[in-house]
């Protein structure tokens, strides 16, 4: 997509409508999610806002895309060809747009870790989200719903969740060192036990 095409898309009525709805609904939706999952309210609001932005970018018509002769076929038409599916899901990102798709879902995993309190659940939520969106794109003008997008988006969610889990682990260890008793074998053993429990929780 050219810069002019991107500008036309971002100023189009469909994108603006979803973006405005996200700005209005992110706070109440985040508060409700925080109560349901017993997580940080700020994280839940950011998570809701992230999902809304992704919806605005991916679930609205793209008139410029409809005229693109290189638009790939929808992935549902390729499910019956395992060789094609494997090739699309295992290929490395090939251009700037694919890298952008990875970065787009990075916050889904990173912020999702604080919401789901598990790197695995945050990554799975991101993967499920991209499969849902790419499936829905079957009936949206100018959208492809490709296996390549599913691969890149899921990779972004996994990377975000992994970095968030690693950051949380480092912070927990640093905090445990500060609060660990200064001497005594028992105090040190308790600190080691707590760190091992934190390690298991971060990757659960």
Protein backbone atom coordinates (compact mmCIF):
# COMPACT_ATOMS: atom_id res chain seq x y z
CA UNK A 1 0.00 0.00 0.00
CA UNK A 2 1.35 3.43 -0.94
CA UNK A 3 1.55 6.34 1.49
CA UNK A 4 -1.37 8.00 -0.28
CA UNK A 5 -3.38 4.79 -0.16
CA UNK A 6 -2.65 4.41 3.56
CA UNK A 7 -3.75 8.00 4.19
CA UNK A 8 -7.00 7.45 2.28
CA UNK A 9 -7.63 4.31 4.33
CA UNK A 10 -6.91 5.97 7.70
CA UNK A 11 -9.18 8.91 6.88
CA UNK A 12 -11.96 6.73 5.46
CA UNK A 13 -15.32 6.53 7.25
CA UNK A 14 -15.06 2.84 8.16
CA UNK A 15 -11.69 3.13 9.88
CA UNK A 16 -12.66 6.36 11.66
CA UNK A 17 -15.93 4.84 12.88
CA UNK A 18 -14.18 1.84 14.45
CA UNK A 19 -11.39 4.04 15.85
CA UNK A 20 -13.90 6.37 17.51
CA UNK A 21 -15.86 3.41 18.88
CA UNK A 22 -12.60 2.06 20.31
CA UNK A 23 -11.83 5.37 22.02
CA UNK A 24 -15.32 5.42 23.58
CA UNK A 25 -15.58 1.75 24.57
CA UNK A 26 -12.00 0.86 25.60
CA UNK A 27 -12.41 2.17 29.15
CA UNK A 28 -15.70 0.43 30.07
CA UNK A 29 -14.71 -2.73 28.20
CA UNK A 30 -11.34 -2.77 29.95
CA UNK A 31 -12.92 -2.29 33.38
CA UNK A 32 -15.30 -5.18 32.71
CA UNK A 33 -12.45 -7.38 31.52
CA UNK A 34 -10.36 -6.50 34.59
CA UNK A 35 -13.19 -7.56 36.91
CA UNK A 36 -13.77 -10.79 34.98
CA UNK A 37 -10.11 -11.83 34.86
CA UNK A 38 -9.05 -10.17 38.12
CA UNK A 39 -6.20 -8.34 36.45
CA UNK A 40 -4.84 -4.79 36.30
CA UNK A 41 -7.45 -2.29 35.12
CA UNK A 42 -4.87 -0.25 33.22
CA UNK A 43 -3.60 -3.35 31.42
CA UNK A 44 -7.14 -4.42 30.56
CA UNK A 45 -8.01 -0.98 29.14
CA UNK A 46 -4.81 -0.96 27.06
CA UNK A 47 -5.63 -4.48 25.88
CA UNK A 48 -9.14 -3.45 24.83
CA UNK A 49 -7.75 -0.41 23.02
CA UNK A 50 -5.17 -2.58 21.24
CA UNK A 51 -7.85 -5.00 20.04
CA UNK A 52 -9.97 -2.09 18.84
CA UNK A 53 -7.11 -0.58 16.86
CA UNK A 54 -6.38 -3.94 15.25
CA UNK A 55 -10.06 -4.30 14.35
CA UNK A 56 -10.03 -0.85 12.77
CA UNK A 57 -6.95 -1.73 10.73
CA UNK A 58 -7.99 -5.22 9.64
CA UNK A 59 -11.78 -5.59 9.74
CA UNK A 60 -12.73 -2.56 7.65
CA UNK A 61 -12.95 -2.42 3.83
CA UNK A 62 -9.79 -1.52 1.94
CA UNK A 63 -10.74 -0.04 -1.42
CA UNK A 64 -7.12 0.23 -2.51
CA UNK A 65 -6.59 -3.45 -1.71
CA UNK A 66 -9.55 -4.40 -3.87
CA UNK A 67 -7.68 -3.03 -6.90
CA UNK A 68 -4.40 -4.78 -6.04
CA UNK A 69 -3.73 -7.52 -8.63
CA UNK A 70 -1.25 -9.23 -6.26
CA UNK A 71 -3.82 -9.77 -3.50
CA UNK A 72 -3.37 -13.41 -2.42
CA UNK A 73 -6.28 -15.88 -2.30
CA UNK A 74 -8.13 -16.30 0.99
CA UNK A 75 -6.57 -18.97 3.15
CA UNK A 76 -9.84 -20.94 3.35
CA UNK A 77 -9.39 -21.77 -0.34
CA UNK A 78 -5.98 -23.32 0.45
CA UNK A 79 -6.87 -25.51 3.45
CA UNK A 80 -7.15 -28.57 1.23
CA UNK A 81 -3.53 -28.22 0.08
CA UNK A 82 -1.26 -29.22 3.00
CA UNK A 83 1.91 -28.41 1.03
CA UNK A 84 0.79 -24.83 0.47
CA UNK A 85 -0.33 -24.44 4.08
CA UNK A 86 3.02 -25.73 5.37
CA UNK A 87 4.97 -23.51 3.00
CA UNK A 88 3.06 -20.37 4.01
CA UNK A 89 3.27 -21.06 7.74
CA UNK A 90 6.98 -21.88 7.82
CA UNK A 91 8.38 -19.25 5.42
CA UNK A 92 10.35 -16.34 6.87
CA UNK A 93 8.95 -12.78 6.69
CA UNK A 94 9.85 -11.43 3.27
CA UNK A 95 9.14 -7.69 3.24
CA UNK A 96 8.38 -4.60 5.30
CA UNK A 97 4.63 -5.23 5.30
CA UNK A 98 5.13 -8.64 6.87
CA UNK A 99 7.40 -7.16 9.54
CA UNK A 100 4.69 -4.57 10.19
CA UNK A 101 2.18 -7.40 10.71
CA UNK A 102 4.48 -8.90 13.35
CA UNK A 103 4.79 -5.55 15.12
CA UNK A 104 1.02 -5.02 14.93
CA UNK A 105 0.37 -8.05 17.15
CA UNK A 106 3.36 -7.54 19.45
CA UNK A 107 1.23 -5.47 21.92
CA UNK A 108 -1.43 -8.20 21.90
CA UNK A 109 1.09 -10.57 23.46
CA UNK A 110 2.94 -8.02 25.57
CA UNK A 111 -0.09 -6.34 27.15
CA UNK A 112 -2.01 -9.62 27.04
CA UNK A 113 0.52 -11.16 29.43
CA UNK A 114 -0.57 -8.67 32.12
CA UNK A 115 -4.23 -9.46 31.39
CA UNK A 116 -4.08 -13.26 31.12
CA UNK A 117 -1.14 -13.51 33.56
CA UNK A 118 0.38 -16.25 31.46
CA UNK A 119 2.65 -16.08 28.42
CA UNK A 120 1.05 -19.17 26.91
CA UNK A 121 -2.50 -17.87 27.29
CA UNK A 122 -1.54 -14.45 25.93
CA UNK A 123 0.13 -16.04 22.89
CA UNK A 124 -2.81 -18.37 22.26
CA UNK A 125 -5.23 -15.46 22.55
CA UNK A 126 -3.23 -13.56 19.93
CA UNK A 127 -3.13 -16.56 17.61
CA UNK A 128 -6.87 -17.13 18.00
CA UNK A 129 -7.53 -13.45 17.32
CA UNK A 130 -5.63 -13.45 14.03
CA UNK A 131 -7.32 -16.65 12.84
CA UNK A 132 -10.71 -15.11 13.64
CA UNK A 133 -9.90 -11.84 11.86
CA UNK A 134 -8.36 -13.47 8.81
CA UNK A 135 -11.41 -15.74 8.54
CA UNK A 136 -13.77 -12.76 8.76
CA UNK A 137 -11.85 -11.03 5.97
CA UNK A 138 -13.34 -13.52 3.53
CA UNK A 139 -16.32 -11.20 3.06
CA UNK A 140 -14.58 -7.81 3.41
CA UNK A 141 -13.70 -5.78 0.33
CA UNK A 142 -9.97 -5.54 -0.34
CA UNK A 143 -8.99 -8.08 2.31
CA UNK A 144 -7.14 -11.32 1.64
CA UNK A 145 -7.16 -13.35 4.84
CA UNK A 146 -3.83 -15.03 4.12
CA UNK A 147 -1.88 -17.74 5.90
CA UNK A 148 1.12 -15.44 5.76
CA UNK A 149 -0.71 -12.85 7.85
CA UNK A 150 -1.77 -15.51 10.35
CA UNK A 151 1.86 -16.65 10.67
CA UNK A 152 3.24 -13.14 11.12
CA UNK A 153 0.51 -11.96 13.48
CA UNK A 154 0.81 -15.06 15.65
CA UNK A 155 4.60 -14.63 15.72
CA UNK A 156 4.14 -11.06 16.93
CA UNK A 157 1.86 -12.19 19.75
CA UNK A 158 4.31 -14.93 20.77
CA UNK A 159 7.25 -12.51 20.78
CA UNK A 160 5.30 -9.95 22.79
CA UNK A 161 4.18 -12.50 25.36
CA UNK A 162 7.68 -13.94 25.62
CA UNK A 163 9.29 -10.55 26.16
CA UNK A 164 6.68 -9.61 28.76
CA UNK A 165 7.22 -12.90 30.61
CA UNK A 166 11.00 -12.43 30.51
CA UNK A 167 10.71 -8.85 31.77
CA UNK A 168 8.40 -9.92 34.59
CA UNK A 169 10.81 -12.70 35.56
CA UNK A 170 13.77 -10.31 35.73
CA UNK A 171 11.78 -7.84 37.83
CA UNK A 172 10.62 -10.58 40.23
CA UNK A 173 14.16 -11.82 40.72
CA UNK A 174 15.45 -8.30 41.31
CA UNK A 175 12.66 -7.68 43.84
CA UNK A 176 13.29 -10.99 45.62
CA UNK A 177 16.98 -10.15 45.95
CA UNK A 178 16.12 -6.85 47.59
CA UNK A 179 13.70 -8.45 50.05
CA UNK A 180 15.66 -11.65 50.70
CA UNK A 181 17.00 -11.98 54.30
CA UNK A 182 20.63 -10.93 54.52
CA UNK A 183 21.91 -14.10 56.09
CA UNK A 184 21.03 -17.63 57.06
CA UNK A 185 20.56 -20.75 55.00
CA UNK A 186 16.79 -20.84 55.57
CA UNK A 187 16.31 -17.34 54.21
CA UNK A 188 18.30 -18.12 51.11
CA UNK A 189 16.45 -21.39 50.54
CA UNK A 190 13.12 -19.59 50.83
CA UNK A 191 14.30 -17.04 48.28
CA UNK A 192 15.37 -19.79 45.88
CA UNK A 193 12.01 -21.54 46.29
CA UNK A 194 10.13 -18.32 45.57
CA UNK A 195 12.22 -17.65 42.46
CA UNK A 196 11.54 -21.15 41.12
CA UNK A 197 7.80 -20.64 41.70
CA UNK A 198 7.98 -17.30 39.86
CA UNK A 199 9.82 -18.99 36.98
CA UNK A 200 7.09 -21.61 36.63
CA UNK A 201 4.33 -18.98 36.82
CA UNK A 202 5.92 -16.80 34.14
CA UNK A 203 6.00 -19.57 31.53
CA UNK A 204 2.71 -21.28 32.47
